Amino acid sequence: MTLDYPTFLVNFKLYAGTAGEEGLDLAETIASVTERTGASLAVAPQTPDLYRIASETDLPVVAQSVDAVNAGRGTGKVALPTVAAAGADGVLVNHPESPQTLSEIESIVESGKDQGVESIVCVDSVETGRAVLAFDPDCLLFEKPADIGTGRSLPRTAPERVEAFVSMVEETNPRTRVLLGGGISSSADVEAALKLGADAAGAASAFVDATDREAWLSEVAETLVSEASADSRR
């Protein structure tokens, strides 16, 4: 399975209550919303749960991070072929909480192409995004690291930055998708992101901390479906 846009990515990070049985329960909640609404939703579970969630749900599964290493020595490292074998459809690269060098990013993107795993590379500026586009990633996750977990998001606080970034990607490598993260906290944020030209959005704490996670995600899913329908009519 590959990611189907427009999509929304739920990242479990290392939050309490998102691992093991609880992590599977959350993934099944996400899958239930997908089935009921028809929206494209994906999940980035904690790494030890990749295989289980990939095997027991139909959700696209994204690895939170991998190391730029090959098979062989590397105790404690996680190689891209390992997450591919576990059933990962995509991988986050260079997340602000797990930063990587340009050479590491290039290595992981290339390995992803070999393994059939989509690369979602995190960047925080037009300049870094343009540099990474030279590696032909599948998706760029654009966010302001300081916004992560704050409830502030670029679609609301700096829409002009989003428009400039989307335009740069369209001009430089139109094959690459754009996902907005960092402070996405509501369906209104998701709607604004898509209207500004992004192909996707994602969140972590907004979902995990929601009083009613299924209701919160349902609103997001309905927004995705509505915006996808509107695009098809344009």
C-alpha atoms as a PDB file:
ATOM      1  CA  MET A   1       0.000   0.000   0.000  1.00  0.00           C
ATOM      2  CA  THR A   2       1.209   3.495  -0.792  1.00  0.00           C
ATOM      3  CA  LEU A   3       0.008   6.799   0.576  1.00  0.00           C
ATOM      4  CA  ASP A   4      -3.100   8.126  -1.150  1.00  0.00           C
ATOM      5  CA  TYR A   5      -3.410  11.926  -1.254  1.00  0.00           C
ATOM      6  CA  PRO A   6      -4.882  14.052   0.184  1.00  0.00           C
ATOM      7  CA  THR A   7      -3.986  12.290   3.394  1.00  0.00           C
ATOM      8  CA  PHE A   8      -3.605  12.922   7.101  1.00  0.00           C
ATOM      9  CA  LEU A   9      -0.740  11.363   9.065  1.00  0.00           C
ATOM     10  CA  VAL A  10      -1.129  10.601  12.775  1.00  0.00           C
ATOM     11  CA  ASN A  11       2.257  10.322  14.491  1.00  0.00           C
ATOM     12  CA  PHE A  12       2.257   8.453  17.822  1.00  0.00           C
ATOM     13  CA  LYS A  13       5.823   9.614  18.618  1.00  0.00           C
ATOM     14  CA  LEU A  14       6.653   8.138  22.069  1.00  0.00           C
ATOM     15  CA  TYR A  15       3.526   9.335  23.849  1.00  0.00           C
ATOM     16  CA  ALA A  16       2.253   7.273  26.758  1.00  0.00           C
ATOM     17  CA  GLY A  17      -0.615   5.033  25.772  1.00  0.00           C
ATOM     18  CA  THR A  18       0.480   4.601  22.145  1.00  0.00           C
ATOM     19  CA  ALA A  19       2.550   1.416  22.401  1.00  0.00           C
ATOM     20  CA  GLY A  20       1.714  -2.290  22.419  1.00  0.00           C
ATOM     21  CA  GLU A  21      -1.968  -3.146  22.865  1.00  0.00           C
ATOM     22  CA  GLU A  22      -2.844   0.510  23.394  1.00  0.00           C
ATOM     23  CA  GLY A  23      -1.071   1.460  20.187  1.00  0.00           C
ATOM     24  CA  LEU A  24      -2.968  -1.202  18.258  1.00  0.00           C
ATOM     25  CA  ASP A  25      -6.248   0.024  19.766  1.00  0.00           C
ATOM     26  CA  LEU A  26      -5.464   3.563  18.598  1.00  0.00           C
ATOM     27  CA  ALA A  27      -4.562   2.317  15.125  1.00  0.00           C
ATOM     28  CA  GLU A  28      -7.846   0.421  14.963  1.00  0.00           C
ATOM     29  CA  THR A  29      -9.665   3.639  15.894  1.00  0.00           C
ATOM     30  CA  ILE A  30      -7.940   5.383  12.995  1.00  0.00           C
ATOM     31  CA  ALA A  31      -8.824   2.487  10.689  1.00  0.00           C
ATOM     32  CA  SER A  32     -12.459   2.681  11.810  1.00  0.00           C
ATOM     33  CA  VAL A  33     -12.608   6.378  10.898  1.00  0.00           C
ATOM     34  CA  THR A  34     -11.085   5.563   7.510  1.00  0.00           C
ATOM     35  CA  GLU A  35     -13.685   2.896   6.809  1.00  0.00           C
ATOM     36  CA  ARG A  36     -16.582   5.098   7.902  1.00  0.00           C
ATOM     37  CA  THR A  37     -15.557   8.284   6.073  1.00  0.00           C
ATOM     38  CA  GLY A  38     -13.516   7.057   3.106  1.00  0.00           C
ATOM     39  CA  ALA A  39     -10.716   9.460   4.000  1.00  0.00           C
ATOM     40  CA  SER A  40      -7.064   8.595   3.502  1.00  0.00           C
ATOM     41  CA  LEU A  41      -5.465   8.344   6.947  1.00  0.00           C
ATOM     42  CA  ALA A  42      -2.019   6.998   7.817  1.00  0.00           C
ATOM     43  CA  VAL A  43      -0.260   6.210  11.080  1.00  0.00           C
ATOM     44  CA  ALA A  44       3.334   6.457  12.313  1.00  0.00           C
ATOM     45  CA  PRO A  45       3.450   4.042  15.262  1.00  0.00           C
ATOM     46  CA  GLN A  46       6.287   3.438  17.659  1.00  0.00           C
ATOM     47  CA  THR A  47       8.933   1.379  15.860  1.00  0.00           C
ATOM     48  CA  PRO A  48       8.453  -1.934  17.751  1.00  0.00           C
ATOM     49  CA  ASP A  49       4.762  -1.878  16.736  1.00  0.00           C
ATOM     50  CA  LEU A  50       5.293  -1.410  13.000  1.00  0.00           C
ATOM     51  CA  TYR A  51       4.867  -5.055  12.030  1.00  0.00           C
ATOM     52  CA  ARG A  52       1.854  -5.662  14.228  1.00  0.00           C
ATOM     53  CA  ILE A  53      -0.084  -2.591  13.079  1.00  0.00           C
ATOM     54  CA  ALA A  54       0.852  -3.192   9.442  1.00  0.00           C
ATOM     55  CA  SER A  55      -0.333  -6.799   9.765  1.00  0.00           C
ATOM     56  CA  GLU A  56      -3.525  -6.249  11.753  1.00  0.00           C
ATOM     57  CA  THR A  57      -4.908  -3.118  10.064  1.00  0.00           C
ATOM     58  CA  ASP A  58      -5.257  -1.896   6.478  1.00  0.00           C
ATOM     59  CA  LEU A  59      -3.763   1.499   7.313  1.00  0.00           C
ATOM     60  CA  PRO A  60      -0.747   2.857   5.466  1.00  0.00           C
ATOM     61  CA  VAL A  61       2.046   2.663   8.044  1.00  0.00           C
ATOM     62  CA  VAL A  62       4.943   5.127   8.248  1.00  0.00           C
ATOM     63  CA  ALA A  63       8.134   4.479  10.197  1.00  0.00           C
ATOM     64  CA  GLN A  64       9.010   7.367  12.508  1.00  0.00           C
ATOM     65  CA  SER A  65      12.690   7.264  11.609  1.00  0.00           C
ATOM     66  CA  VAL A  66      15.463   5.057  10.263  1.00  0.00           C
ATOM     67  CA  ASP A  67      19.231   5.275  10.300  1.00  0.00           C
ATOM     68  CA  ALA A  68      21.371   5.699   7.198  1.00  0.00           C
ATOM     69  CA  VAL A  69      23.004   2.293   7.618  1.00  0.00           C
ATOM     70  CA  ASN A  70      23.377  -0.902   5.622  1.00  0.00           C
ATOM     71  CA  ALA A  71      22.961  -4.503   6.704  1.00  0.00           C
ATOM     72  CA  GLY A  72      25.689  -5.670   9.041  1.00  0.00           C
ATOM     73  CA  ARG A  73      27.084  -4.153  12.199  1.00  0.00           C
ATOM     74  CA  GLY A  74      25.087  -1.429  13.919  1.00  0.00           C
ATOM     75  CA  THR A  75      23.658  -2.593  17.217  1.00  0.00           C
ATOM     76  CA  GLY A  76      20.624  -0.519  18.140  1.00  0.00           C
ATOM     77  CA  LYS A  77      20.304   1.051  14.682  1.00  0.00           C
ATOM     78  CA  VAL A  78      17.274   0.624  12.426  1.00  0.00           C
ATOM     79  CA  ALA A  79      17.871   0.196   8.687  1.00  0.00           C
ATOM     80  CA  LEU A  80      15.299   1.036   6.028  1.00  0.00           C
ATOM     81  CA  PRO A  81      15.127  -2.542   4.688  1.00  0.00           C
ATOM     82  CA  THR A  82      14.164  -3.596   8.222  1.00  0.00           C
ATOM     83  CA  VAL A  83      11.099  -1.350   8.374  1.00  0.00           C
ATOM     84  CA  ALA A  84      10.232  -2.328   4.803  1.00  0.00           C
ATOM     85  CA  ALA A  85      10.223  -5.988   5.858  1.00  0.00           C
ATOM     86  CA  ALA A  86       8.001  -5.028   8.808  1.00  0.00           C
ATOM     87  CA  GLY A  87       5.422  -3.615   6.404  1.00  0.00           C
ATOM     88  CA  ALA A  88       6.174   0.107   6.411  1.00  0.00           C
ATOM     89  CA  ASP A  89       4.769   2.003   3.432  1.00  0.00           C
ATOM     90  CA  GLY A  90       6.688   5.184   4.196  1.00  0.00           C
ATOM     91  CA  VAL A  91       9.325   6.664   6.461  1.00  0.00           C
ATOM     92  CA  LEU A  92       9.814  10.034   8.129  1.00  0.00           C
ATOM     93  CA  VAL A  93      13.267  11.438   7.466  1.00  0.00           C
ATOM     94  CA  ASN A  94      15.035  14.320   9.248  1.00  0.00           C
ATOM     95  CA  HIS A  95      12.239  15.016  11.726  1.00  0.00           C
ATOM     96  CA  PRO A  96      13.216  17.925  14.021  1.00  0.00           C
ATOM     97  CA  GLU A  97      13.191  15.470  16.935  1.00  0.00           C
ATOM     98  CA  SER A  98      15.485  13.110  14.966  1.00  0.00           C
ATOM     99  CA  PRO A  99      17.603  15.362  12.698  1.00  0.00           C
ATOM    100  CA  GLN A 100      19.856  14.030   9.943  1.00  0.00           C
ATOM    101  CA  THR A 101      22.507  15.372   7.586  1.00  0.00           C
ATOM    102  CA  LEU A 102      21.918  15.972   3.887  1.00  0.00           C
ATOM    103  CA  SER A 103      24.070  12.968   3.021  1.00  0.00           C
ATOM    104  CA  GLU A 104      22.039  10.778   5.388  1.00  0.00           C
ATOM    105  CA  ILE A 105      18.805  12.096   3.902  1.00  0.00           C
ATOM    106  CA  GLU A 106      19.995  11.273   0.391  1.00  0.00           C
ATOM    107  CA  SER A 107      21.014   7.764   1.446  1.00  0.00           C
ATOM    108  CA  ILE A 108      17.649   7.042   3.073  1.00  0.00           C
ATOM    109  CA  VAL A 109      15.652   8.448   0.138  1.00  0.00           C
ATOM    110  CA  GLU A 110      17.627   6.283  -2.286  1.00  0.00           C
ATOM    111  CA  SER A 111      17.194   3.220  -0.091  1.00  0.00           C
ATOM    112  CA  GLY A 112      13.477   3.921   0.035  1.00  0.00           C
ATOM    113  CA  LYS A 113      13.302   3.841  -3.757  1.00  0.00           C
ATOM    114  CA  ASP A 114      15.043   0.469  -3.782  1.00  0.00           C
ATOM    115  CA  GLN A 115      12.714  -0.949  -1.107  1.00  0.00           C
ATOM    116  CA  GLY A 116       9.457   0.592  -2.311  1.00  0.00           C
ATOM    117  CA  VAL A 117       9.111   2.740   0.821  1.00  0.00           C
ATOM    118  CA  GLU A 118       7.949   6.343   0.335  1.00  0.00           C
ATOM    119  CA  SER A 119      10.197   9.039   1.793  1.00  0.00           C
ATOM    120  CA  ILE A 120       8.656  11.915   3.758  1.00  0.00           C
ATOM    121  CA  VAL A 121      11.488  14.352   4.411  1.00  0.00           C
ATOM    122  CA  CYS A 122      11.003  17.074   7.024  1.00  0.00           C
ATOM    123  CA  VAL A 123      12.307  20.566   6.211  1.00  0.00           C
ATOM    124  CA  ASP A 124      11.811  23.995   7.756  1.00  0.00           C
ATOM    125  CA  SER A 125      12.570  26.377   4.891  1.00  0.00           C
ATOM    126  CA  VAL A 126      12.309  26.923   1.157  1.00  0.00           C
ATOM    127  CA  GLU A 127      16.098  26.711   0.893  1.00  0.00           C
ATOM    128  CA  THR A 128      16.390  23.342   2.653  1.00  0.00           C
ATOM    129  CA  GLY A 129      13.406  22.050   0.728  1.00  0.00           C
ATOM    130  CA  ARG A 130      15.024  22.974  -2.580  1.00  0.00           C
ATOM    131  CA  ALA A 131      18.244  21.196  -1.577  1.00  0.00           C
ATOM    132  CA  VAL A 132      16.378  18.026  -0.600  1.00  0.00           C
ATOM    133  CA  LEU A 133      14.333  18.036  -3.808  1.00  0.00           C
ATOM    134  CA  ALA A 134      17.553  17.207  -5.649  1.00  0.00           C
ATOM    135  CA  PHE A 135      17.207  13.720  -4.115  1.00  0.00           C
ATOM    136  CA  ASP A 136      13.664  13.319  -5.563  1.00  0.00           C
ATOM    137  CA  PRO A 137      11.812  12.476  -2.308  1.00  0.00           C
ATOM    138  CA  ASP A 138       8.178  11.396  -2.463  1.00  0.00           C
ATOM    139  CA  CYS A 139       7.030  14.063  -0.009  1.00  0.00           C
ATOM    140  CA  LEU A 140       8.348  17.071   1.900  1.00  0.00           C
ATOM    141  CA  LEU A 141       6.950  17.687   5.367  1.00  0.00           C
ATOM    142  CA  PHE A 142       7.127  21.451   5.864  1.00  0.00           C
ATOM    143  CA  GLU A 143       6.876  22.822   9.375  1.00  0.00           C
ATOM    144  CA  LYS A 144       8.299  25.340  11.792  1.00  0.00           C
ATOM    145  CA  PRO A 145       9.911  23.235  14.546  1.00  0.00           C
ATOM    146  CA  ALA A 146       9.024  25.803  17.217  1.00  0.00           C
ATOM    147  CA  ASP A 147       5.325  25.258  16.389  1.00  0.00           C
ATOM    148  CA  ILE A 148       5.375  21.545  17.219  1.00  0.00           C
ATOM    149  CA  GLY A 149       2.911  20.793  20.002  1.00  0.00           C
ATOM    150  CA  THR A 150       1.902  24.435  20.436  1.00  0.00           C
ATOM    151  CA  GLY A 151      -1.400  24.619  18.554  1.00  0.00           C
ATOM    152  CA  ARG A 152       0.114  27.258  16.259  1.00  0.00           C
ATOM    153  CA  SER A 153       0.370  26.246  12.620  1.00  0.00           C
ATOM    154  CA  LEU A 154       1.824  27.831   9.513  1.00  0.00           C
ATOM    155  CA  PRO A 155      -1.480  27.770   7.582  1.00  0.00           C
ATOM    156  CA  ARG A 156      -2.873  30.182  10.192  1.00  0.00           C
ATOM    157  CA  THR A 157       0.184  32.157  11.317  1.00  0.00           C
ATOM    158  CA  ALA A 158       2.134  32.452   8.043  1.00  0.00           C
ATOM    159  CA  PRO A 159       0.051  31.352   5.032  1.00  0.00           C
ATOM    160  CA  GLU A 160       2.375  33.264   2.724  1.00  0.00           C
ATOM    161  CA  ARG A 161       5.241  30.961   3.753  1.00  0.00           C
ATOM    162  CA  VAL A 162       3.155  27.935   2.862  1.00  0.00           C
ATOM    163  CA  GLU A 163       2.245  29.380  -0.531  1.00  0.00           C
ATOM    164  CA  ALA A 164       5.890  30.203  -1.258  1.00  0.00           C
ATOM    165  CA  PHE A 165       6.961  26.689  -0.285  1.00  0.00           C
ATOM    166  CA  VAL A 166       4.262  24.992  -2.372  1.00  0.00           C
ATOM    167  CA  SER A 167       5.160  27.154  -5.370  1.00  0.00           C
ATOM    168  CA  MET A 168       8.842  26.257  -5.014  1.00  0.00           C
ATOM    169  CA  VAL A 169       8.056  22.532  -4.960  1.00  0.00           C
ATOM    170  CA  GLU A 170       5.746  22.791  -7.967  1.00  0.00           C
ATOM    171  CA  GLU A 171       8.444  24.618  -9.932  1.00  0.00           C
ATOM    172  CA  THR A 172      11.358  22.418  -8.819  1.00  0.00           C
ATOM    173  CA  ASN A 173       9.905  18.900  -8.678  1.00  0.00           C
ATOM    174  CA  PRO A 174       6.127  18.691  -9.178  1.00  0.00           C
ATOM    175  CA  ARG A 175       6.186  14.931  -8.498  1.00  0.00           C
ATOM    176  CA  THR A 176       6.971  15.564  -4.831  1.00  0.00           C
ATOM    177  CA  ARG A 177       4.025  16.050  -2.481  1.00  0.00           C
ATOM    178  CA  VAL A 178       3.787  18.604   0.346  1.00  0.00           C
ATOM    179  CA  LEU A 179       2.632  17.705   3.858  1.00  0.00           C
ATOM    180  CA  LEU A 180       2.192  20.382   6.529  1.00  0.00           C
ATOM    181  CA  GLY A 181       2.909  19.634  10.182  1.00  0.00           C
ATOM    182  CA  GLY A 182       3.949  21.558  13.266  1.00  0.00           C
ATOM    183  CA  GLY A 183       1.031  22.771  15.344  1.00  0.00           C
ATOM    184  CA  ILE A 184      -1.780  21.348  13.214  1.00  0.00           C
ATOM    185  CA  SER A 185      -4.520  21.027  15.817  1.00  0.00           C
ATOM    186  CA  SER A 186      -7.940  21.123  14.140  1.00  0.00           C
ATOM    187  CA  SER A 187      -9.909  20.329  11.017  1.00  0.00           C
ATOM    188  CA  ALA A 188      -9.787  24.073  10.262  1.00  0.00           C
ATOM    189  CA  ASP A 189      -5.981  23.853  10.139  1.00  0.00           C
ATOM    190  CA  VAL A 190      -6.219  20.908   7.751  1.00  0.00           C
ATOM    191  CA  GLU A 191      -8.692  22.741   5.527  1.00  0.00           C
ATOM    192  CA  ALA A 192      -6.427  25.808   5.432  1.00  0.00           C
ATOM    193  CA  ALA A 193      -3.408  23.646   4.581  1.00  0.00           C
ATOM    194  CA  LEU A 194      -5.144  22.022   1.625  1.00  0.00           C
ATOM    195  CA  LYS A 195      -6.562  25.315   0.352  1.00  0.00           C
ATOM    196  CA  LEU A 196      -3.030  26.744   0.366  1.00  0.00           C
ATOM    197  CA  GLY A 197      -1.916  23.955  -1.963  1.00  0.00           C
ATOM    198  CA  ALA A 198      -0.595  21.282   0.394  1.00  0.00           C
ATOM    199  CA  ASP A 199      -1.379  17.650  -0.387  1.00  0.00           C
ATOM    200  CA  ALA A 200      -1.519  16.482   3.206  1.00  0.00           C
ATOM    201  CA  ALA A 201      -1.261  17.413   6.869  1.00  0.00           C
ATOM    202  CA  GLY A 202      -0.294  15.640  10.047  1.00  0.00           C
ATOM    203  CA  ALA A 203      -0.403  15.856  13.815  1.00  0.00           C
ATOM    204  CA  ALA A 204       0.682  14.031  16.933  1.00  0.00           C
ATOM    205  CA  SER A 205      -0.243  15.615  20.272  1.00  0.00           C
ATOM    206  CA  ALA A 206      -3.497  17.109  18.941  1.00  0.00           C
ATOM    207  CA  PHE A 207      -4.781  13.582  18.337  1.00  0.00           C
ATOM    208  CA  VAL A 208      -3.224  11.884  21.348  1.00  0.00           C
ATOM    209  CA  ASP A 209      -4.403  14.594  23.768  1.00  0.00           C
ATOM    210  CA  ALA A 210      -7.909  14.953  22.316  1.00  0.00           C
ATOM    211  CA  THR A 211     -10.698  14.259  24.815  1.00  0.00           C
ATOM    212  CA  ASP A 212     -12.511  12.221  22.151  1.00  0.00           C
ATOM    213  CA  ARG A 213      -9.883  11.054  19.672  1.00  0.00           C
ATOM    214  CA  GLU A 214     -12.332   9.413  17.303  1.00  0.00           C
ATOM    215  CA  ALA A 215     -14.520  12.533  17.135  1.00  0.00           C
ATOM    216  CA  TRP A 216     -11.489  14.781  16.590  1.00  0.00           C
ATOM    217  CA  LEU A 217     -10.147  12.580  13.798  1.00  0.00           C
ATOM    218  CA  SER A 218     -13.591  12.230  12.229  1.00  0.00           C
ATOM    219  CA  GLU A 219     -13.749  16.003  11.756  1.00  0.00           C
ATOM    220  CA  VAL A 220     -10.330  15.935  10.109  1.00  0.00           C
ATOM    221  CA  ALA A 221     -11.369  13.020   7.882  1.00  0.00           C
ATOM    222  CA  GLU A 222     -14.556  14.750   6.769  1.00  0.00           C
ATOM    223  CA  THR A 223     -12.509  17.812   5.849  1.00  0.00           C
ATOM    224  CA  LEU A 224     -10.165  15.667   3.745  1.00  0.00           C
ATOM    225  CA  VAL A 225     -13.078  14.099   1.895  1.00  0.00           C
ATOM    226  CA  SER A 226     -14.743  17.461   1.344  1.00  0.00           C
ATOM    227  CA  GLU A 227     -11.584  19.085   0.007  1.00  0.00           C
ATOM    228  CA  ALA A 228     -10.809  16.108  -2.250  1.00  0.00           C
ATOM    229  CA  SER A 229     -14.307  16.339  -3.693  1.00  0.00           C
ATOM    230  CA  ALA A 230     -13.942  20.078  -4.233  1.00  0.00           C
ATOM    231  CA  ASP A 231     -10.626  19.556  -6.057  1.00  0.00           C
ATOM    232  CA  SER A 232     -12.191  16.997  -8.384  1.00  0.00           C
ATOM    233  CA  ARG A 233     -14.821  19.548  -9.414  1.00  0.00           C
ATOM    234  CA  ARG A 234     -12.328  22.313 -10.142  1.00  0.00           C
END
